[in-house]
Amino acid sequence: MFKKQLPIVTGNELIPNIIHTMSSGRLGIAVVVDKNKIKGIITDGDLRRAMNSHTEKFFSLKAKDIMTERPKTIAKEMKMAEAEDIMNKYKITSLLVADKKGKLEGVVQIYSINSN
């Protein structure tokens, strides 16, 4: 089961807007896109690390400054067991669902797999 409603930001989005988008999305992530193609992902952990390492200029940082580029993705046809294996292998809690051209289609989170 994957979610289609996602917290999406652009690469030039500033930290206050990223925090707002992540909070309203309730997934602990924001997906960085350009023309609906995945460019990166920002997790709440990325925000904490940026806050610790860029204390003075934290609120002037942009999404592209703190995002993880080329996040792990899966095709929507993939079985949940395969998605869970990937998340366990890479020690991540979210996988973005993308089509063959890299267009964002949704997200799968370990919590939704484990609750089924």
C-alpha atoms as a PDB file:
ATOM      1  CA  MET A   1       0.000   0.000   0.000  1.00  0.00           C
ATOM      2  CA  PHE A   2       1.508   3.329  -0.956  1.00  0.00           C
ATOM      3  CA  LYS A   3       0.437   6.910  -0.374  1.00  0.00           C
ATOM      4  CA  LYS A   4      -0.138   9.258  -3.270  1.00  0.00           C
ATOM      5  CA  GLN A   5      -0.596  12.504  -1.305  1.00  0.00           C
ATOM      6  CA  LEU A   6       2.947  13.666  -0.702  1.00  0.00           C
ATOM      7  CA  PRO A   7       4.777  16.588   0.871  1.00  0.00           C
ATOM      8  CA  ILE A   8       6.515  18.071  -2.167  1.00  0.00           C
ATOM      9  CA  VAL A   9       9.005  20.948  -2.330  1.00  0.00           C
ATOM     10  CA  THR A  10      11.265  22.434  -4.992  1.00  0.00           C
ATOM     11  CA  GLY A  11      15.039  22.634  -4.762  1.00  0.00           C
ATOM     12  CA  ASN A  12      14.885  26.365  -3.979  1.00  0.00           C
ATOM     13  CA  GLU A  13      12.407  26.003  -1.105  1.00  0.00           C
ATOM     14  CA  LEU A  14      13.674  27.567   2.139  1.00  0.00           C
ATOM     15  CA  ILE A  15      13.830  25.708   5.464  1.00  0.00           C
ATOM     16  CA  PRO A  16      10.721  27.315   7.046  1.00  0.00           C
ATOM     17  CA  ASN A  17       8.573  26.172   4.094  1.00  0.00           C
ATOM     18  CA  ILE A  18      10.184  22.723   4.123  1.00  0.00           C
ATOM     19  CA  ILE A  19       9.367  22.323   7.818  1.00  0.00           C
ATOM     20  CA  HIS A  20       5.777  23.436   7.219  1.00  0.00           C
ATOM     21  CA  THR A  21       5.378  21.051   4.270  1.00  0.00           C
ATOM     22  CA  MET A  22       6.871  18.133   6.200  1.00  0.00           C
ATOM     23  CA  SER A  23       4.685  18.819   9.226  1.00  0.00           C
ATOM     24  CA  SER A  24       1.490  19.035   7.218  1.00  0.00           C
ATOM     25  CA  GLY A  25       2.424  15.912   5.227  1.00  0.00           C
ATOM     26  CA  ARG A  26       2.834  13.814   8.402  1.00  0.00           C
ATOM     27  CA  LEU A  27       5.295  11.411   6.797  1.00  0.00           C
ATOM     28  CA  GLY A  28       8.573  12.716   8.242  1.00  0.00           C
ATOM     29  CA  ILE A  29       9.825  13.480   4.727  1.00  0.00           C
ATOM     30  CA  ALA A  30       9.619  16.022   1.937  1.00  0.00           C
ATOM     31  CA  VAL A  31      10.226  15.001  -1.666  1.00  0.00           C
ATOM     32  CA  VAL A  32      12.245  17.434  -3.769  1.00  0.00           C
ATOM     33  CA  VAL A  33      10.947  17.513  -7.335  1.00  0.00           C
ATOM     34  CA  ASP A  34      11.475  19.433 -10.547  1.00  0.00           C
ATOM     35  CA  LYS A  35       8.694  19.082 -13.143  1.00  0.00           C
ATOM     36  CA  ASN A  36       7.359  16.159 -11.093  1.00  0.00           C
ATOM     37  CA  LYS A  37      10.669  14.268 -11.443  1.00  0.00           C
ATOM     38  CA  ILE A  38      12.366  13.180  -8.247  1.00  0.00           C
ATOM     39  CA  LYS A  39      15.512  15.144  -7.435  1.00  0.00           C
ATOM     40  CA  GLY A  40      15.924  14.223  -3.784  1.00  0.00           C
ATOM     41  CA  ILE A  41      14.386  13.550  -0.407  1.00  0.00           C
ATOM     42  CA  ILE A  42      14.619  15.388   2.904  1.00  0.00           C
ATOM     43  CA  THR A  43      13.988  13.503   6.123  1.00  0.00           C
ATOM     44  CA  ASP A  44      13.498  14.872   9.603  1.00  0.00           C
ATOM     45  CA  GLY A  45      17.002  13.516  10.289  1.00  0.00           C
ATOM     46  CA  ASP A  46      18.393  15.635   7.438  1.00  0.00           C
ATOM     47  CA  LEU A  47      16.799  18.697   9.041  1.00  0.00           C
ATOM     48  CA  ARG A  48      18.336  17.905  12.442  1.00  0.00           C
ATOM     49  CA  ARG A  49      21.795  17.367  10.943  1.00  0.00           C
ATOM     50  CA  ALA A  50      21.540  20.639   8.980  1.00  0.00           C
ATOM     51  CA  MET A  51      20.501  22.472  12.135  1.00  0.00           C
ATOM     52  CA  ASN A  52      23.530  21.124  14.013  1.00  0.00           C
ATOM     53  CA  SER A  53      26.064  21.817  11.271  1.00  0.00           C
ATOM     54  CA  HIS A  54      24.698  25.143   9.962  1.00  0.00           C
ATOM     55  CA  THR A  55      23.486  26.816  13.154  1.00  0.00           C
ATOM     56  CA  GLU A  56      24.043  30.400  11.992  1.00  0.00           C
ATOM     57  CA  LYS A  57      22.519  30.115   8.519  1.00  0.00           C
ATOM     58  CA  PHE A  58      20.052  27.244   9.045  1.00  0.00           C
ATOM     59  CA  PHE A  59      16.922  29.194   8.066  1.00  0.00           C
ATOM     60  CA  SER A  60      18.524  30.479   4.854  1.00  0.00           C
ATOM     61  CA  LEU A  61      19.351  26.981   3.580  1.00  0.00           C
ATOM     62  CA  LYS A  62      17.425  25.613   0.614  1.00  0.00           C
ATOM     63  CA  ALA A  63      16.096  22.127  -0.048  1.00  0.00           C
ATOM     64  CA  LYS A  64      18.866  21.464  -2.568  1.00  0.00           C
ATOM     65  CA  ASP A  65      21.443  22.229   0.157  1.00  0.00           C
ATOM     66  CA  ILE A  66      20.278  19.489   2.520  1.00  0.00           C
ATOM     67  CA  MET A  67      18.481  16.894   0.393  1.00  0.00           C
ATOM     68  CA  THR A  68      19.705  13.385  -0.256  1.00  0.00           C
ATOM     69  CA  GLU A  69      20.143  13.170  -4.019  1.00  0.00           C
ATOM     70  CA  ARG A  70      19.026  10.085  -5.952  1.00  0.00           C
ATOM     71  CA  PRO A  71      16.927   8.533  -3.174  1.00  0.00           C
ATOM     72  CA  LYS A  72      15.973   4.870  -3.375  1.00  0.00           C
ATOM     73  CA  THR A  73      12.891   4.293  -5.523  1.00  0.00           C
ATOM     74  CA  ILE A  74      10.694   1.384  -6.534  1.00  0.00           C
ATOM     75  CA  ALA A  75       8.128   0.721  -9.244  1.00  0.00           C
ATOM     76  CA  LYS A  76       4.501   0.597  -8.110  1.00  0.00           C
ATOM     77  CA  GLU A  77       4.276  -2.977  -9.400  1.00  0.00           C
ATOM     78  CA  MET A  78       6.910  -4.149  -6.909  1.00  0.00           C
ATOM     79  CA  LYS A  79       5.764  -6.470  -4.131  1.00  0.00           C
ATOM     80  CA  MET A  80       5.703  -5.089  -0.588  1.00  0.00           C
ATOM     81  CA  ALA A  81       8.073  -7.855   0.566  1.00  0.00           C
ATOM     82  CA  GLU A  82      10.656  -6.587  -1.944  1.00  0.00           C
ATOM     83  CA  ALA A  83      10.159  -3.004  -0.759  1.00  0.00           C
ATOM     84  CA  GLU A  84      10.639  -4.128   2.838  1.00  0.00           C
ATOM     85  CA  ASP A  85      13.858  -5.965   1.891  1.00  0.00           C
ATOM     86  CA  ILE A  86      15.239  -2.795   0.258  1.00  0.00           C
ATOM     87  CA  MET A  87      14.348  -0.668   3.294  1.00  0.00           C
ATOM     88  CA  ASN A  88      15.996  -3.157   5.645  1.00  0.00           C
ATOM     89  CA  LYS A  89      19.096  -3.449   3.446  1.00  0.00           C
ATOM     90  CA  TYR A  90      19.645   0.325   3.286  1.00  0.00           C
ATOM     91  CA  LYS A  91      18.287   1.051   6.792  1.00  0.00           C
ATOM     92  CA  ILE A  92      15.684   3.503   5.499  1.00  0.00           C
ATOM     93  CA  THR A  93      12.022   3.916   6.407  1.00  0.00           C
ATOM     94  CA  SER A  94      10.643   5.400   3.172  1.00  0.00           C
ATOM     95  CA  LEU A  95      10.854   4.406  -0.479  1.00  0.00           C
ATOM     96  CA  LEU A  96       9.623   6.680  -3.217  1.00  0.00           C
ATOM     97  CA  VAL A  97       7.456   5.126  -5.910  1.00  0.00           C
ATOM     98  CA  ALA A  98       8.422   6.274  -9.407  1.00  0.00           C
ATOM     99  CA  ASP A  99       7.646   5.397 -12.987  1.00  0.00           C
ATOM    100  CA  LYS A 100      10.370   4.437 -15.482  1.00  0.00           C
ATOM    101  CA  LYS A 101      11.038   8.094 -16.303  1.00  0.00           C
ATOM    102  CA  GLY A 102      11.571   9.057 -12.655  1.00  0.00           C
ATOM    103  CA  LYS A 103       8.163  10.698 -12.246  1.00  0.00           C
ATOM    104  CA  LEU A 104       6.981  10.647  -8.646  1.00  0.00           C
ATOM    105  CA  GLU A 105       3.931   8.453  -8.048  1.00  0.00           C
ATOM    106  CA  GLY A 106       3.872   7.880  -4.286  1.00  0.00           C
ATOM    107  CA  VAL A 107       5.709   6.633  -1.215  1.00  0.00           C
ATOM    108  CA  VAL A 108       5.879   3.389   0.741  1.00  0.00           C
ATOM    109  CA  GLN A 109       6.882   3.501   4.398  1.00  0.00           C
ATOM    110  CA  ILE A 110       8.057   0.639   6.565  1.00  0.00           C
ATOM    111  CA  TYR A 111       5.349   1.482   9.115  1.00  0.00           C
ATOM    112  CA  SER A 112       2.580   0.833   6.595  1.00  0.00           C
ATOM    113  CA  ILE A 113       4.113  -2.501   5.574  1.00  0.00           C
ATOM    114  CA  ASN A 114       4.541  -3.671   9.159  1.00  0.00           C
ATOM    115  CA  SER A 115       0.996  -2.655  10.127  1.00  0.00           C
ATOM    116  CA  ASN A 116      -0.572  -4.934   7.485  1.00  0.00           C
END
